[in-house]
Amino acid sequence: MAWEWRFEKADGSTTEAPQDPGDFGTQGDAESWIGEIWRELLEEGVDQVSLFEDGTKVYGPMSLHAAAED
């Protein structure tokens, strides 16, 4: 199974991440990665992310702005 993030602008359009993380082997690996890099993504213009498993959306969009407000 491959887990991957889709990076989006606030309007839902897809955008490129400042670095390509590739695919993750587990959901936990993907979520750990986003937890470490979300601030950088936000600074680079990514507003929200969605998580996919083998092309099927698991959840999202999840705002990175909400995390910054905590």
PDB file of N, CA and C in Angstrom:
ATOM      1  N   MET A   1       0.832  -1.173   0.000  1.00  0.00           N
ATOM      2  CA  MET A   1       0.000   0.000   0.000  1.00  0.00           C
ATOM      3  C   MET A   1       0.882   1.243   0.000  1.00  0.00           C
ATOM      4  N   ALA A   2       0.488   2.220  -0.786  1.00  0.00           N
ATOM      5  CA  ALA A   2       1.230   3.476  -0.854  1.00  0.00           C
ATOM      6  C   ALA A   2       0.366   4.613  -0.325  1.00  0.00           C
ATOM      7  N   TRP A   3       0.916   5.361   0.570  1.00  0.00           N
ATOM      8  CA  TRP A   3       0.252   6.527   1.155  1.00  0.00           C
ATOM      9  C   TRP A   3       0.935   7.765   0.608  1.00  0.00           C
ATOM     10  N   GLU A   4       0.132   8.750   0.196  1.00  0.00           N
ATOM     11  CA  GLU A   4       0.709   9.983  -0.327  1.00  0.00           C
ATOM     12  C   GLU A   4      -0.169  11.179  -0.001  1.00  0.00           C
ATOM     13  N   TRP A   5       0.481  12.328   0.078  1.00  0.00           N
ATOM     14  CA  TRP A   5      -0.206  13.583   0.336  1.00  0.00           C
ATOM     15  C   TRP A   5      -0.451  14.315  -0.967  1.00  0.00           C
ATOM     16  N   ARG A   6      -1.605  14.982  -1.056  1.00  0.00           N
ATOM     17  CA  ARG A   6      -1.855  15.925  -2.147  1.00  0.00           C
ATOM     18  C   ARG A   6      -1.829  17.308  -1.512  1.00  0.00           C
ATOM     19  N   PHE A   7      -1.089  18.211  -2.125  1.00  0.00           N
ATOM     20  CA  PHE A   7      -0.895  19.560  -1.614  1.00  0.00           C
ATOM     21  C   PHE A   7      -1.792  20.509  -2.388  1.00  0.00           C
ATOM     22  N   GLU A   8      -2.520  21.357  -1.667  1.00  0.00           N
ATOM     23  CA  GLU A   8      -3.540  22.194  -2.304  1.00  0.00           C
ATOM     24  C   GLU A   8      -3.469  23.642  -1.832  1.00  0.00           C
ATOM     25  N   LYS A   9      -3.990  24.518  -2.684  1.00  0.00           N
ATOM     26  CA  LYS A   9      -4.230  25.911  -2.328  1.00  0.00           C
ATOM     27  C   LYS A   9      -5.581  25.965  -1.614  1.00  0.00           C
ATOM     28  N   ALA A  10      -5.926  27.113  -1.066  1.00  0.00           N
ATOM     29  CA  ALA A  10      -7.185  27.267  -0.327  1.00  0.00           C
ATOM     30  C   ALA A  10      -8.408  26.973  -1.196  1.00  0.00           C
ATOM     31  N   ASP A  11      -8.309  27.215  -2.502  1.00  0.00           N
ATOM     32  CA  ASP A  11      -9.447  26.971  -3.396  1.00  0.00           C
ATOM     33  C   ASP A  11      -9.564  25.520  -3.839  1.00  0.00           C
ATOM     34  N   GLY A  12      -8.674  24.657  -3.343  1.00  0.00           N
ATOM     35  CA  GLY A  12      -8.715  23.237  -3.685  1.00  0.00           C
ATOM     36  C   GLY A  12      -7.862  22.840  -4.873  1.00  0.00           C
ATOM     37  N   SER A  13      -7.269  23.828  -5.548  1.00  0.00           N
ATOM     38  CA  SER A  13      -6.410  23.490  -6.680  1.00  0.00           C
ATOM     39  C   SER A  13      -5.106  22.877  -6.171  1.00  0.00           C
ATOM     40  N   THR A  14      -4.587  21.949  -6.935  1.00  0.00           N
ATOM     41  CA  THR A  14      -3.356  21.253  -6.559  1.00  0.00           C
ATOM     42  C   THR A  14      -2.152  22.155  -6.765  1.00  0.00           C
ATOM     43  N   THR A  15      -1.206  22.072  -5.857  1.00  0.00           N
ATOM     44  CA  THR A  15       0.040  22.828  -5.958  1.00  0.00           C
ATOM     45  C   THR A  15       1.203  21.898  -5.642  1.00  0.00           C
ATOM     46  N   GLU A  16       2.376  22.317  -6.005  1.00  0.00           N
ATOM     47  CA  GLU A  16       3.571  21.525  -5.736  1.00  0.00           C
ATOM     48  C   GLU A  16       4.072  21.790  -4.326  1.00  0.00           C
ATOM     49  N   ALA A  17       4.584  20.772  -3.706  1.00  0.00           N
ATOM     50  CA  ALA A  17       5.226  20.925  -2.403  1.00  0.00           C
ATOM     51  C   ALA A  17       6.661  21.393  -2.635  1.00  0.00           C
ATOM     52  N   PRO A  18       7.261  22.091  -1.662  1.00  0.00           N
ATOM     53  CA  PRO A  18       8.643  22.531  -1.822  1.00  0.00           C
ATOM     54  C   PRO A  18       9.622  21.369  -1.960  1.00  0.00           C
ATOM     55  N   GLN A  19       9.223  20.207  -1.477  1.00  0.00           N
ATOM     56  CA  GLN A  19      10.016  18.991  -1.653  1.00  0.00           C
ATOM     57  C   GLN A  19       9.052  17.833  -1.861  1.00  0.00           C
ATOM     58  N   ASP A  20       9.434  16.898  -2.700  1.00  0.00           N
ATOM     59  CA  ASP A  20       8.577  15.759  -2.984  1.00  0.00           C
ATOM     60  C   ASP A  20       8.880  14.643  -1.987  1.00  0.00           C
ATOM     61  N   PRO A  21       7.929  14.343  -1.103  1.00  0.00           N
ATOM     62  CA  PRO A  21       8.184  13.300  -0.114  1.00  0.00           C
ATOM     63  C   PRO A  21       8.072  11.896  -0.676  1.00  0.00           C
ATOM     64  N   GLY A  22       7.495  11.758  -1.879  1.00  0.00           N
ATOM     65  CA  GLY A  22       7.264  10.437  -2.429  1.00  0.00           C
ATOM     66  C   GLY A  22       6.123   9.744  -1.703  1.00  0.00           C
ATOM     67  N   ASP A  23       6.103   8.434  -1.790  1.00  0.00           N
ATOM     68  CA  ASP A  23       5.061   7.640  -1.139  1.00  0.00           C
ATOM     69  C   ASP A  23       5.576   7.121   0.196  1.00  0.00           C
ATOM     70  N   PHE A  24       4.640   6.920   1.105  1.00  0.00           N
ATOM     71  CA  PHE A  24       4.966   6.388   2.428  1.00  0.00           C
ATOM     72  C   PHE A  24       4.433   4.968   2.537  1.00  0.00           C
ATOM     73  N   GLY A  25       5.091   4.161   3.342  1.00  0.00           N
ATOM     74  CA  GLY A  25       4.684   2.776   3.507  1.00  0.00           C
ATOM     75  C   GLY A  25       3.496   2.589   4.423  1.00  0.00           C
ATOM     76  N   THR A  26       3.305   3.528   5.362  1.00  0.00           N
ATOM     77  CA  THR A  26       2.194   3.413   6.303  1.00  0.00           C
ATOM     78  C   THR A  26       1.549   4.782   6.504  1.00  0.00           C
ATOM     79  N   GLN A  27       0.327   4.763   6.989  1.00  0.00           N
ATOM     80  CA  GLN A  27      -0.366   6.000   7.304  1.00  0.00           C
ATOM     81  C   GLN A  27       0.397   6.759   8.387  1.00  0.00           C
ATOM     82  N   GLY A  28       0.904   6.037   9.365  1.00  0.00           N
ATOM     83  CA  GLY A  28       1.657   6.659  10.445  1.00  0.00           C
ATOM     84  C   GLY A  28       2.896   7.392   9.946  1.00  0.00           C
ATOM     85  N   ASP A  29       3.603   6.800   8.977  1.00  0.00           N
ATOM     86  CA  ASP A  29       4.777   7.458   8.399  1.00  0.00           C
ATOM     87  C   ASP A  29       4.376   8.756   7.700  1.00  0.00           C
ATOM     88  N   ALA A  30       3.284   8.703   6.952  1.00  0.00           N
ATOM     89  CA  ALA A  30       2.805   9.889   6.234  1.00  0.00           C
ATOM     90  C   ALA A  30       2.408  10.980   7.223  1.00  0.00           C
ATOM     91  N   GLU A  31       1.702  10.609   8.270  1.00  0.00           N
ATOM     92  CA  GLU A  31       1.239  11.591   9.252  1.00  0.00           C
ATOM     93  C   GLU A  31       2.404  12.153  10.076  1.00  0.00           C
ATOM     94  N   SER A  32       3.395  11.338  10.373  1.00  0.00           N
ATOM     95  CA  SER A  32       4.575  11.831  11.080  1.00  0.00           C
ATOM     96  C   SER A  32       5.308  12.859  10.234  1.00  0.00           C
ATOM     97  N   TRP A  33       5.438  12.568   8.948  1.00  0.00           N
ATOM     98  CA  TRP A  33       6.122  13.485   8.043  1.00  0.00           C
ATOM     99  C   TRP A  33       5.407  14.831   7.978  1.00  0.00           C
ATOM    100  N   ILE A  34       4.083  14.806   7.811  1.00  0.00           N
ATOM    101  CA  ILE A  34       3.345  16.071   7.712  1.00  0.00           C
ATOM    102  C   ILE A  34       3.440  16.839   9.022  1.00  0.00           C
ATOM    103  N   GLY A  35       3.493  16.124  10.130  1.00  0.00           N
ATOM    104  CA  GLY A  35       3.636  16.772  11.425  1.00  0.00           C
ATOM    105  C   GLY A  35       4.957  17.494  11.588  1.00  0.00           C
ATOM    106  N   GLU A  36       5.974  17.015  10.897  1.00  0.00           N
ATOM    107  CA  GLU A  36       7.294  17.628  10.975  1.00  0.00           C
ATOM    108  C   GLU A  36       7.471  18.785   9.997  1.00  0.00           C
ATOM    109  N   ILE A  37       6.748  18.752   8.873  1.00  0.00           N
ATOM    110  CA  ILE A  37       7.045  19.705   7.799  1.00  0.00           C
ATOM    111  C   ILE A  37       5.920  20.686   7.499  1.00  0.00           C
ATOM    112  N   TRP A  38       4.798  20.622   8.215  1.00  0.00           N
ATOM    113  CA  TRP A  38       3.648  21.455   7.851  1.00  0.00           C
ATOM    114  C   TRP A  38       3.969  22.948   7.861  1.00  0.00           C
ATOM    115  N   ARG A  39       4.823  23.407   8.760  1.00  0.00           N
ATOM    116  CA  ARG A  39       5.149  24.845   8.808  1.00  0.00           C
ATOM    117  C   ARG A  39       5.869  25.286   7.530  1.00  0.00           C
ATOM    118  N   GLU A  40       6.783  24.464   7.078  1.00  0.00           N
ATOM    119  CA  GLU A  40       7.495  24.777   5.839  1.00  0.00           C
ATOM    120  C   GLU A  40       6.536  24.789   4.653  1.00  0.00           C
ATOM    121  N   LEU A  41       5.634  23.821   4.611  1.00  0.00           N
ATOM    122  CA  LEU A  41       4.651  23.786   3.535  1.00  0.00           C
ATOM    123  C   LEU A  41       3.811  25.055   3.529  1.00  0.00           C
ATOM    124  N   LEU A  42       3.358  25.480   4.696  1.00  0.00           N
ATOM    125  CA  LEU A  42       2.551  26.681   4.824  1.00  0.00           C
ATOM    126  C   LEU A  42       3.328  27.908   4.339  1.00  0.00           C
ATOM    127  N   GLU A  43       4.589  28.002   4.724  1.00  0.00           N
ATOM    128  CA  GLU A  43       5.426  29.122   4.286  1.00  0.00           C
ATOM    129  C   GLU A  43       5.634  29.139   2.779  1.00  0.00           C
ATOM    130  N   GLU A  44       5.603  27.972   2.163  1.00  0.00           N
ATOM    131  CA  GLU A  44       5.811  27.851   0.715  1.00  0.00           C
ATOM    132  C   GLU A  44       4.510  27.969  -0.084  1.00  0.00           C
ATOM    133  N   GLY A  45       3.393  28.260   0.603  1.00  0.00           N
ATOM    134  CA  GLY A  45       2.150  28.514  -0.123  1.00  0.00           C
ATOM    135  C   GLY A  45       1.166  27.366  -0.178  1.00  0.00           C
ATOM    136  N   VAL A  46       1.446  26.273   0.527  1.00  0.00           N
ATOM    137  CA  VAL A  46       0.482  25.172   0.597  1.00  0.00           C
ATOM    138  C   VAL A  46      -0.508  25.514   1.707  1.00  0.00           C
ATOM    139  N   ASP A  47      -1.803  25.521   1.398  1.00  0.00           N
ATOM    140  CA  ASP A  47      -2.824  25.885   2.374  1.00  0.00           C
ATOM    141  C   ASP A  47      -3.453  24.686   3.064  1.00  0.00           C
ATOM    142  N   GLN A  48      -3.553  23.575   2.348  1.00  0.00           N
ATOM    143  CA  GLN A  48      -4.224  22.399   2.894  1.00  0.00           C
ATOM    144  C   GLN A  48      -3.671  21.146   2.231  1.00  0.00           C
ATOM    145  N   VAL A  49      -3.900  20.010   2.880  1.00  0.00           N
ATOM    146  CA  VAL A  49      -3.421  18.731   2.357  1.00  0.00           C
ATOM    147  C   VAL A  49      -4.524  17.678   2.470  1.00  0.00           C
ATOM    148  N   SER A  50      -4.445  16.694   1.602  1.00  0.00           N
ATOM    149  CA  SER A  50      -5.330  15.529   1.661  1.00  0.00           C
ATOM    150  C   SER A  50      -4.465  14.285   1.600  1.00  0.00           C
ATOM    151  N   LEU A  51      -4.852  13.262   2.356  1.00  0.00           N
ATOM    152  CA  LEU A  51      -4.095  12.015   2.399  1.00  0.00           C
ATOM    153  C   LEU A  51      -4.798  10.946   1.563  1.00  0.00           C
ATOM    154  N   PHE A  52      -4.022  10.264   0.727  1.00  0.00           N
ATOM    155  CA  PHE A  52      -4.531   9.213  -0.142  1.00  0.00           C
ATOM    156  C   PHE A  52      -3.815   7.896   0.129  1.00  0.00           C
ATOM    157  N   GLU A  53      -4.569   6.813   0.040  1.00  0.00           N
ATOM    158  CA  GLU A  53      -4.005   5.467   0.097  1.00  0.00           C
ATOM    159  C   GLU A  53      -4.308   4.792  -1.227  1.00  0.00           C
ATOM    160  N   ASP A  54      -3.268   4.464  -1.965  1.00  0.00           N
ATOM    161  CA  ASP A  54      -3.411   3.837  -3.282  1.00  0.00           C
ATOM    162  C   ASP A  54      -4.419   4.565  -4.153  1.00  0.00           C
ATOM    163  N   GLY A  55      -4.368   5.896  -4.142  1.00  0.00           N
ATOM    164  CA  GLY A  55      -5.224   6.699  -4.995  1.00  0.00           C
ATOM    165  C   GLY A  55      -6.611   7.008  -4.444  1.00  0.00           C
ATOM    166  N   THR A  56      -6.951   6.448  -3.287  1.00  0.00           N
ATOM    167  CA  THR A  56      -8.254   6.691  -2.672  1.00  0.00           C
ATOM    168  C   THR A  56      -8.084   7.666  -1.507  1.00  0.00           C
ATOM    169  N   LYS A  57      -8.895   8.733  -1.518  1.00  0.00           N
ATOM    170  CA  LYS A  57      -8.789   9.727  -0.449  1.00  0.00           C
ATOM    171  C   LYS A  57      -9.202   9.115   0.879  1.00  0.00           C
ATOM    172  N   VAL A  58      -8.346   9.261   1.882  1.00  0.00           N
ATOM    173  CA  VAL A  58      -8.614   8.786   3.234  1.00  0.00           C
ATOM    174  C   VAL A  58      -9.220   9.919   4.054  1.00  0.00           C
ATOM    175  N   TYR A  59      -8.620  11.111   3.957  1.00  0.00           N
ATOM    176  CA  TYR A  59      -9.206  12.293   4.574  1.00  0.00           C
ATOM    177  C   TYR A  59      -8.600  13.550   3.972  1.00  0.00           C
ATOM    178  N   GLY A  60      -9.281  14.640   4.223  1.00  0.00           N
ATOM    179  CA  GLY A  60      -8.849  15.928   3.730  1.00  0.00           C
ATOM    180  C   GLY A  60      -9.966  16.577   2.944  1.00  0.00           C
ATOM    181  N   PRO A  61      -9.810  17.814   2.624  1.00  0.00           N
ATOM    182  CA  PRO A  61      -8.616  18.585   2.906  1.00  0.00           C
ATOM    183  C   PRO A  61      -8.497  18.972   4.379  1.00  0.00           C
ATOM    184  N   MET A  62      -7.268  19.017   4.834  1.00  0.00           N
ATOM    185  CA  MET A  62      -6.943  19.405   6.194  1.00  0.00           C
ATOM    186  C   MET A  62      -6.133  20.711   6.106  1.00  0.00           C
ATOM    187  N   SER A  63      -6.679  21.765   6.702  1.00  0.00           N
ATOM    188  CA  SER A  63      -6.043  23.075   6.636  1.00  0.00           C
ATOM    189  C   SER A  63      -4.751  23.089   7.453  1.00  0.00           C
ATOM    190  N   LEU A  64      -3.697  23.644   6.872  1.00  0.00           N
ATOM    191  CA  LEU A  64      -2.461  23.848   7.610  1.00  0.00           C
ATOM    192  C   LEU A  64      -2.554  25.125   8.439  1.00  0.00           C
ATOM    193  N   HIS A  65      -3.457  26.008   8.081  1.00  0.00           N
ATOM    194  CA  HIS A  65      -3.644  27.251   8.829  1.00  0.00           C
ATOM    195  C   HIS A  65      -4.212  26.967  10.208  1.00  0.00           C
ATOM    196  N   ALA A  66      -5.099  25.983  10.310  1.00  0.00           N
ATOM    197  CA  ALA A  66      -5.684  25.632  11.604  1.00  0.00           C
ATOM    198  C   ALA A  66      -4.595  25.161  12.572  1.00  0.00           C
ATOM    199  N   ALA A  67      -3.631  24.420  12.069  1.00  0.00           N
ATOM    200  CA  ALA A  67      -2.533  23.950  12.917  1.00  0.00           C
ATOM    201  C   ALA A  67      -1.697  25.130  13.411  1.00  0.00           C
ATOM    202  N   ALA A  68      -1.546  26.154  12.589  1.00  0.00           N
ATOM    203  CA  ALA A  68      -0.752  27.313  12.966  1.00  0.00           C
ATOM    204  C   ALA A  68      -1.437  28.127  14.068  1.00  0.00           C
ATOM    205  N   GLU A  69      -2.755  28.038  14.157  1.00  0.00           N
ATOM    206  CA  GLU A  69      -3.505  28.804  15.153  1.00  0.00           C
ATOM    207  C   GLU A  69      -3.475  28.159  16.530  1.00  0.00           C
ATOM    208  N   ASP A  70      -3.133  26.872  16.615  1.00  0.00           N
ATOM    209  CA  ASP A  70      -3.109  26.177  17.904  1.00  0.00           C
ATOM    210  C   ASP A  70      -1.966  26.637  18.775  1.00  0.00           C
TER     211      ASP A  70
END
